[in-house]
Amino acid sequence: MEWISIKDRLPEKDKDLLVCTNTFYMGIGWYYHDLQKWDFEIQKHTEADLGEVTHWMYVPEPPPVEF
């Protein structure tokens, strides 16, 4: 899986994403098409400026459960 630049394309609606910002924050995020706005999981817990999203990728599927 490779990072996708927001200059190349934006993600599909309602998908969990890995995002990377211009301040090198990497984490879970979402893009809201109707608001044309990004949101990050950590923003709910901090006032830090995480910068602007520059790249994203879809979150991979988890490994299968083994019993």
PDB file of N, CA and C in Angstrom:
ATOM      1  N   MET A   1       0.840  -1.168   0.000  1.00  0.00           N
ATOM      2  CA  MET A   1       0.000   0.000   0.000  1.00  0.00           C
ATOM      3  C   MET A   1       0.895   1.245   0.000  1.00  0.00           C
ATOM      4  N   GLU A   2       0.544   2.225  -0.797  1.00  0.00           N
ATOM      5  CA  GLU A   2       1.351   3.433  -0.875  1.00  0.00           C
ATOM      6  C   GLU A   2       0.536   4.664  -0.521  1.00  0.00           C
ATOM      7  N   TRP A   3       1.224   5.709  -0.067  1.00  0.00           N
ATOM      8  CA  TRP A   3       0.576   6.975   0.238  1.00  0.00           C
ATOM      9  C   TRP A   3       0.066   7.618  -1.042  1.00  0.00           C
ATOM     10  N   ILE A   4      -1.099   8.268  -0.946  1.00  0.00           N
ATOM     11  CA  ILE A   4      -1.719   8.971  -2.071  1.00  0.00           C
ATOM     12  C   ILE A   4      -1.732  10.453  -1.738  1.00  0.00           C
ATOM     13  N   SER A   5      -1.220  11.258  -2.631  1.00  0.00           N
ATOM     14  CA  SER A   5      -1.204  12.706  -2.427  1.00  0.00           C
ATOM     15  C   SER A   5      -2.616  13.260  -2.592  1.00  0.00           C
ATOM     16  N   ILE A   6      -2.980  14.244  -1.758  1.00  0.00           N
ATOM     17  CA  ILE A   6      -4.296  14.865  -1.926  1.00  0.00           C
ATOM     18  C   ILE A   6      -4.363  15.646  -3.233  1.00  0.00           C
ATOM     19  N   LYS A   7      -3.200  15.930  -3.828  1.00  0.00           N
ATOM     20  CA  LYS A   7      -3.174  16.599  -5.138  1.00  0.00           C
ATOM     21  C   LYS A   7      -3.602  15.642  -6.247  1.00  0.00           C
ATOM     22  N   ASP A   8      -3.403  14.335  -6.015  1.00  0.00           N
ATOM     23  CA  ASP A   8      -3.770  13.335  -7.020  1.00  0.00           C
ATOM     24  C   ASP A   8      -5.241  12.949  -6.941  1.00  0.00           C
ATOM     25  N   ARG A   9      -5.730  12.719  -5.715  1.00  0.00           N
ATOM     26  CA  ARG A   9      -7.144  12.396  -5.531  1.00  0.00           C
ATOM     27  C   ARG A   9      -7.496  12.388  -4.054  1.00  0.00           C
ATOM     28  N   LEU A  10      -8.787  12.491  -3.781  1.00  0.00           N
ATOM     29  CA  LEU A  10      -9.302  12.419  -2.425  1.00  0.00           C
ATOM     30  C   LEU A  10      -9.938  11.045  -2.204  1.00  0.00           C
ATOM     31  N   PRO A  11     -10.052  10.624  -0.940  1.00  0.00           N
ATOM     32  CA  PRO A  11     -10.606   9.293  -0.668  1.00  0.00           C
ATOM     33  C   PRO A  11     -12.110   9.221  -0.899  1.00  0.00           C
ATOM     34  N   GLU A  12     -12.603   7.975  -0.957  1.00  0.00           N
ATOM     35  CA  GLU A  12     -14.040   7.739  -1.036  1.00  0.00           C
ATOM     36  C   GLU A  12     -14.697   8.221   0.255  1.00  0.00           C
ATOM     37  N   LYS A  13     -15.984   8.439   0.169  1.00  0.00           N
ATOM     38  CA  LYS A  13     -16.750   8.924   1.310  1.00  0.00           C
ATOM     39  C   LYS A  13     -16.883   7.845   2.389  1.00  0.00           C
ATOM     40  N   ASP A  14     -16.835   8.277   3.651  1.00  0.00           N
ATOM     41  CA  ASP A  14     -17.092   7.418   4.817  1.00  0.00           C
ATOM     42  C   ASP A  14     -16.120   6.255   4.964  1.00  0.00           C
ATOM     43  N   LYS A  15     -14.835   6.519   4.753  1.00  0.00           N
ATOM     44  CA  LYS A  15     -13.813   5.487   4.920  1.00  0.00           C
ATOM     45  C   LYS A  15     -12.823   5.909   5.997  1.00  0.00           C
ATOM     46  N   ASP A  16     -12.373   4.954   6.823  1.00  0.00           N
ATOM     47  CA  ASP A  16     -11.291   5.218   7.760  1.00  0.00           C
ATOM     48  C   ASP A  16      -9.990   5.280   6.977  1.00  0.00           C
ATOM     49  N   LEU A  17      -9.132   6.235   7.347  1.00  0.00           N
ATOM     50  CA  LEU A  17      -7.896   6.461   6.597  1.00  0.00           C
ATOM     51  C   LEU A  17      -6.703   6.585   7.526  1.00  0.00           C
ATOM     52  N   LEU A  18      -5.526   6.307   6.990  1.00  0.00           N
ATOM     53  CA  LEU A  18      -4.283   6.738   7.606  1.00  0.00           C
ATOM     54  C   LEU A  18      -3.934   8.043   6.910  1.00  0.00           C
ATOM     55  N   VAL A  19      -3.596   9.068   7.683  1.00  0.00           N
ATOM     56  CA  VAL A  19      -3.253  10.353   7.092  1.00  0.00           C
ATOM     57  C   VAL A  19      -1.868  10.791   7.540  1.00  0.00           C
ATOM     58  N   CYS A  20      -1.236  11.606   6.727  1.00  0.00           N
ATOM     59  CA  CYS A  20       0.060  12.207   7.051  1.00  0.00           C
ATOM     60  C   CYS A  20      -0.059  13.695   6.747  1.00  0.00           C
ATOM     61  N   THR A  21       0.438  14.533   7.669  1.00  0.00           N
ATOM     62  CA  THR A  21       0.333  15.975   7.485  1.00  0.00           C
ATOM     63  C   THR A  21       1.698  16.595   7.196  1.00  0.00           C
ATOM     64  N   ASN A  22       1.673  17.876   6.892  1.00  0.00           N
ATOM     65  CA  ASN A  22       2.917  18.600   6.622  1.00  0.00           C
ATOM     66  C   ASN A  22       3.762  18.801   7.878  1.00  0.00           C
ATOM     67  N   THR A  23       3.233  18.444   9.054  1.00  0.00           N
ATOM     68  CA  THR A  23       4.029  18.465  10.293  1.00  0.00           C
ATOM     69  C   THR A  23       4.453  17.044  10.675  1.00  0.00           C
ATOM     70  N   PHE A  24       4.242  16.096   9.768  1.00  0.00           N
ATOM     71  CA  PHE A  24       4.626  14.694   9.912  1.00  0.00           C
ATOM     72  C   PHE A  24       3.814  13.943  10.958  1.00  0.00           C
ATOM     73  N   TYR A  25       2.619  14.466  11.312  1.00  0.00           N
ATOM     74  CA  TYR A  25       1.693  13.689  12.117  1.00  0.00           C
ATOM     75  C   TYR A  25       1.154  12.565  11.240  1.00  0.00           C
ATOM     76  N   MET A  26       1.106  11.350  11.778  1.00  0.00           N
ATOM     77  CA  MET A  26       0.486  10.234  11.085  1.00  0.00           C
ATOM     78  C   MET A  26      -0.504   9.580  12.031  1.00  0.00           C
ATOM     79  N   GLY A  27      -1.696   9.331  11.549  1.00  0.00           N
ATOM     80  CA  GLY A  27      -2.704   8.699  12.385  1.00  0.00           C
ATOM     81  C   GLY A  27      -3.985   8.463  11.619  1.00  0.00           C
ATOM     82  N   ILE A  28      -5.020   8.100  12.361  1.00  0.00           N
ATOM     83  CA  ILE A  28      -6.322   7.821  11.766  1.00  0.00           C
ATOM     84  C   ILE A  28      -7.041   9.136  11.484  1.00  0.00           C
ATOM     85  N   GLY A  29      -7.659   9.216  10.323  1.00  0.00           N
ATOM     86  CA  GLY A  29      -8.382  10.422   9.951  1.00  0.00           C
ATOM     87  C   GLY A  29      -9.521  10.126   9.002  1.00  0.00           C
ATOM     88  N   TRP A  30     -10.282  11.169   8.700  1.00  0.00           N
ATOM     89  CA  TRP A  30     -11.429  11.070   7.803  1.00  0.00           C
ATOM     90  C   TRP A  30     -11.510  12.336   6.983  1.00  0.00           C
ATOM     91  N   TYR A  31     -12.042  12.206   5.778  1.00  0.00           N
ATOM     92  CA  TYR A  31     -12.303  13.381   4.955  1.00  0.00           C
ATOM     93  C   TYR A  31     -13.811  13.496   4.766  1.00  0.00           C
ATOM     94  N   TYR A  32     -14.358  14.678   5.114  1.00  0.00           N
ATOM     95  CA  TYR A  32     -15.789  14.933   4.974  1.00  0.00           C
ATOM     96  C   TYR A  32     -16.022  15.714   3.681  1.00  0.00           C
ATOM     97  N   HIS A  33     -16.512  15.021   2.665  1.00  0.00           N
ATOM     98  CA  HIS A  33     -16.696  15.630   1.352  1.00  0.00           C
ATOM     99  C   HIS A  33     -17.659  16.812   1.388  1.00  0.00           C
ATOM    100  N   ASP A  34     -18.760  16.672   2.141  1.00  0.00           N
ATOM    101  CA  ASP A  34     -19.752  17.748   2.163  1.00  0.00           C
ATOM    102  C   ASP A  34     -19.195  19.026   2.797  1.00  0.00           C
ATOM    103  N   LEU A  35     -18.263  18.892   3.740  1.00  0.00           N
ATOM    104  CA  LEU A  35     -17.643  20.056   4.391  1.00  0.00           C
ATOM    105  C   LEU A  35     -16.297  20.419   3.775  1.00  0.00           C
ATOM    106  N   GLN A  36     -15.759  19.534   2.931  1.00  0.00           N
ATOM    107  CA  GLN A  36     -14.419  19.669   2.372  1.00  0.00           C
ATOM    108  C   GLN A  36     -13.411  19.916   3.489  1.00  0.00           C
ATOM    109  N   LYS A  37     -13.457  19.009   4.503  1.00  0.00           N
ATOM    110  CA  LYS A  37     -12.649  19.169   5.703  1.00  0.00           C
ATOM    111  C   LYS A  37     -12.120  17.819   6.176  1.00  0.00           C
ATOM    112  N   TRP A  38     -10.892  17.835   6.711  1.00  0.00           N
ATOM    113  CA  TRP A  38     -10.286  16.656   7.318  1.00  0.00           C
ATOM    114  C   TRP A  38     -10.500  16.689   8.821  1.00  0.00           C
ATOM    115  N   ASP A  39     -10.558  15.501   9.437  1.00  0.00           N
ATOM    116  CA  ASP A  39     -10.651  15.366  10.889  1.00  0.00           C
ATOM    117  C   ASP A  39      -9.703  14.246  11.291  1.00  0.00           C
ATOM    118  N   PHE A  40      -9.118  14.369  12.483  1.00  0.00           N
ATOM    119  CA  PHE A  40      -8.167  13.373  12.987  1.00  0.00           C
ATOM    120  C   PHE A  40      -8.642  12.841  14.323  1.00  0.00           C
ATOM    121  N   GLU A  41      -8.388  11.584  14.598  1.00  0.00           N
ATOM    122  CA  GLU A  41      -8.764  10.985  15.873  1.00  0.00           C
ATOM    123  C   GLU A  41      -8.160  11.758  17.045  1.00  0.00           C
ATOM    124  N   ILE A  42      -6.914  12.134  16.948  1.00  0.00           N
ATOM    125  CA  ILE A  42      -6.231  12.782  18.070  1.00  0.00           C
ATOM    126  C   ILE A  42      -6.761  14.187  18.355  1.00  0.00           C
ATOM    127  N   GLN A  43      -7.401  14.830  17.398  1.00  0.00           N
ATOM    128  CA  GLN A  43      -7.922  16.179  17.627  1.00  0.00           C
ATOM    129  C   GLN A  43      -8.959  16.200  18.741  1.00  0.00           C
ATOM    130  N   LYS A  44      -9.564  15.085  18.994  1.00  0.00           N
ATOM    131  CA  LYS A  44     -10.550  15.017  20.067  1.00  0.00           C
ATOM    132  C   LYS A  44      -9.874  15.091  21.439  1.00  0.00           C
ATOM    133  N   HIS A  45      -8.541  14.903  21.485  1.00  0.00           N
ATOM    134  CA  HIS A  45      -7.801  14.822  22.743  1.00  0.00           C
ATOM    135  C   HIS A  45      -6.729  15.892  22.902  1.00  0.00           C
ATOM    136  N   THR A  46      -6.527  16.738  21.910  1.00  0.00           N
ATOM    137  CA  THR A  46      -5.448  17.722  21.996  1.00  0.00           C
ATOM    138  C   THR A  46      -5.820  19.006  21.276  1.00  0.00           C
ATOM    139  N   GLU A  47      -5.173  20.060  21.654  1.00  0.00           N
ATOM    140  CA  GLU A  47      -5.335  21.349  20.981  1.00  0.00           C
ATOM    141  C   GLU A  47      -4.169  21.601  20.029  1.00  0.00           C
ATOM    142  N   ALA A  48      -3.258  20.653  19.906  1.00  0.00           N
ATOM    143  CA  ALA A  48      -2.064  20.826  19.077  1.00  0.00           C
ATOM    144  C   ALA A  48      -2.437  21.048  17.616  1.00  0.00           C
ATOM    145  N   ASP A  49      -1.647  21.874  16.955  1.00  0.00           N
ATOM    146  CA  ASP A  49      -1.824  22.084  15.517  1.00  0.00           C
ATOM    147  C   ASP A  49      -1.161  20.922  14.787  1.00  0.00           C
ATOM    148  N   LEU A  50      -1.963  20.078  14.176  1.00  0.00           N
ATOM    149  CA  LEU A  50      -1.441  18.887  13.503  1.00  0.00           C
ATOM    150  C   LEU A  50      -1.078  19.154  12.051  1.00  0.00           C
ATOM    151  N   GLY A  51      -1.291  20.375  11.587  1.00  0.00           N
ATOM    152  CA  GLY A  51      -0.947  20.722  10.218  1.00  0.00           C
ATOM    153  C   GLY A  51      -2.045  20.346   9.239  1.00  0.00           C
ATOM    154  N   GLU A  52      -1.691  20.391   7.972  1.00  0.00           N
ATOM    155  CA  GLU A  52      -2.617  20.094   6.885  1.00  0.00           C
ATOM    156  C   GLU A  52      -2.300  18.730   6.287  1.00  0.00           C
ATOM    157  N   VAL A  53      -3.328  17.967   5.972  1.00  0.00           N
ATOM    158  CA  VAL A  53      -3.126  16.652   5.357  1.00  0.00           C
ATOM    159  C   VAL A  53      -2.497  16.833   3.981  1.00  0.00           C
ATOM    160  N   THR A  54      -1.455  16.060   3.731  1.00  0.00           N
ATOM    161  CA  THR A  54      -0.800  16.068   2.421  1.00  0.00           C
ATOM    162  C   THR A  54      -0.970  14.730   1.708  1.00  0.00           C
ATOM    163  N   HIS A  55      -1.064  13.638   2.493  1.00  0.00           N
ATOM    164  CA  HIS A  55      -1.161  12.296   1.926  1.00  0.00           C
ATOM    165  C   HIS A  55      -2.101  11.443   2.768  1.00  0.00           C
ATOM    166  N   TRP A  56      -2.647  10.407   2.154  1.00  0.00           N
ATOM    167  CA  TRP A  56      -3.553   9.494   2.837  1.00  0.00           C
ATOM    168  C   TRP A  56      -3.457   8.117   2.212  1.00  0.00           C
ATOM    169  N   MET A  57      -3.962   7.118   2.931  1.00  0.00           N
ATOM    170  CA  MET A  57      -4.140   5.764   2.401  1.00  0.00           C
ATOM    171  C   MET A  57      -5.259   5.103   3.180  1.00  0.00           C
ATOM    172  N   TYR A  58      -5.907   4.133   2.554  1.00  0.00           N
ATOM    173  CA  TYR A  58      -6.952   3.394   3.247  1.00  0.00           C
ATOM    174  C   TYR A  58      -6.330   2.539   4.339  1.00  0.00           C
ATOM    175  N   VAL A  59      -7.050   2.369   5.449  1.00  0.00           N
ATOM    176  CA  VAL A  59      -6.607   1.504   6.530  1.00  0.00           C
ATOM    177  C   VAL A  59      -6.713   0.066   6.035  1.00  0.00           C
ATOM    178  N   PRO A  60      -5.637  -0.720   6.172  1.00  0.00           N
ATOM    179  CA  PRO A  60      -5.723  -2.111   5.705  1.00  0.00           C
ATOM    180  C   PRO A  60      -6.647  -2.940   6.579  1.00  0.00           C
ATOM    181  N   GLU A  61      -7.117  -4.029   6.024  1.00  0.00           N
ATOM    182  CA  GLU A  61      -7.940  -4.979   6.771  1.00  0.00           C
ATOM    183  C   GLU A  61      -7.086  -5.601   7.868  1.00  0.00           C
ATOM    184  N   PRO A  62      -7.667  -5.895   9.019  1.00  0.00           N
ATOM    185  CA  PRO A  62      -6.900  -6.554  10.080  1.00  0.00           C
ATOM    186  C   PRO A  62      -6.594  -7.997   9.690  1.00  0.00           C
ATOM    187  N   PRO A  63      -5.589  -8.584  10.346  1.00  0.00           N
ATOM    188  CA  PRO A  63      -5.282  -9.998  10.040  1.00  0.00           C
ATOM    189  C   PRO A  63      -6.424 -10.893  10.489  1.00  0.00           C
ATOM    190  N   PRO A  64      -6.510 -12.079   9.900  1.00  0.00           N
ATOM    191  CA  PRO A  64      -7.582 -12.992  10.299  1.00  0.00           C
ATOM    192  C   PRO A  64      -7.380 -13.451  11.745  1.00  0.00           C
ATOM    193  N   VAL A  65      -8.479 -13.728  12.394  1.00  0.00           N
ATOM    194  CA  VAL A  65      -8.431 -14.217  13.773  1.00  0.00           C
ATOM    195  C   VAL A  65      -8.082 -15.699  13.736  1.00  0.00           C
ATOM    196  N   GLU A  66      -7.091 -16.076  14.523  1.00  0.00           N
ATOM    197  CA  GLU A  66      -6.701 -17.477  14.596  1.00  0.00           C
ATOM    198  C   GLU A  66      -7.003 -18.011  15.981  1.00  0.00           C
ATOM    199  N   PHE A  67      -7.631 -19.162  16.040  1.00  0.00           N
ATOM    200  CA  PHE A  67      -7.965 -19.782  17.323  1.00  0.00           C
ATOM    201  C   PHE A  67      -7.089 -20.965  17.574  1.00  0.00           C
TER     202      PHE A  67
END
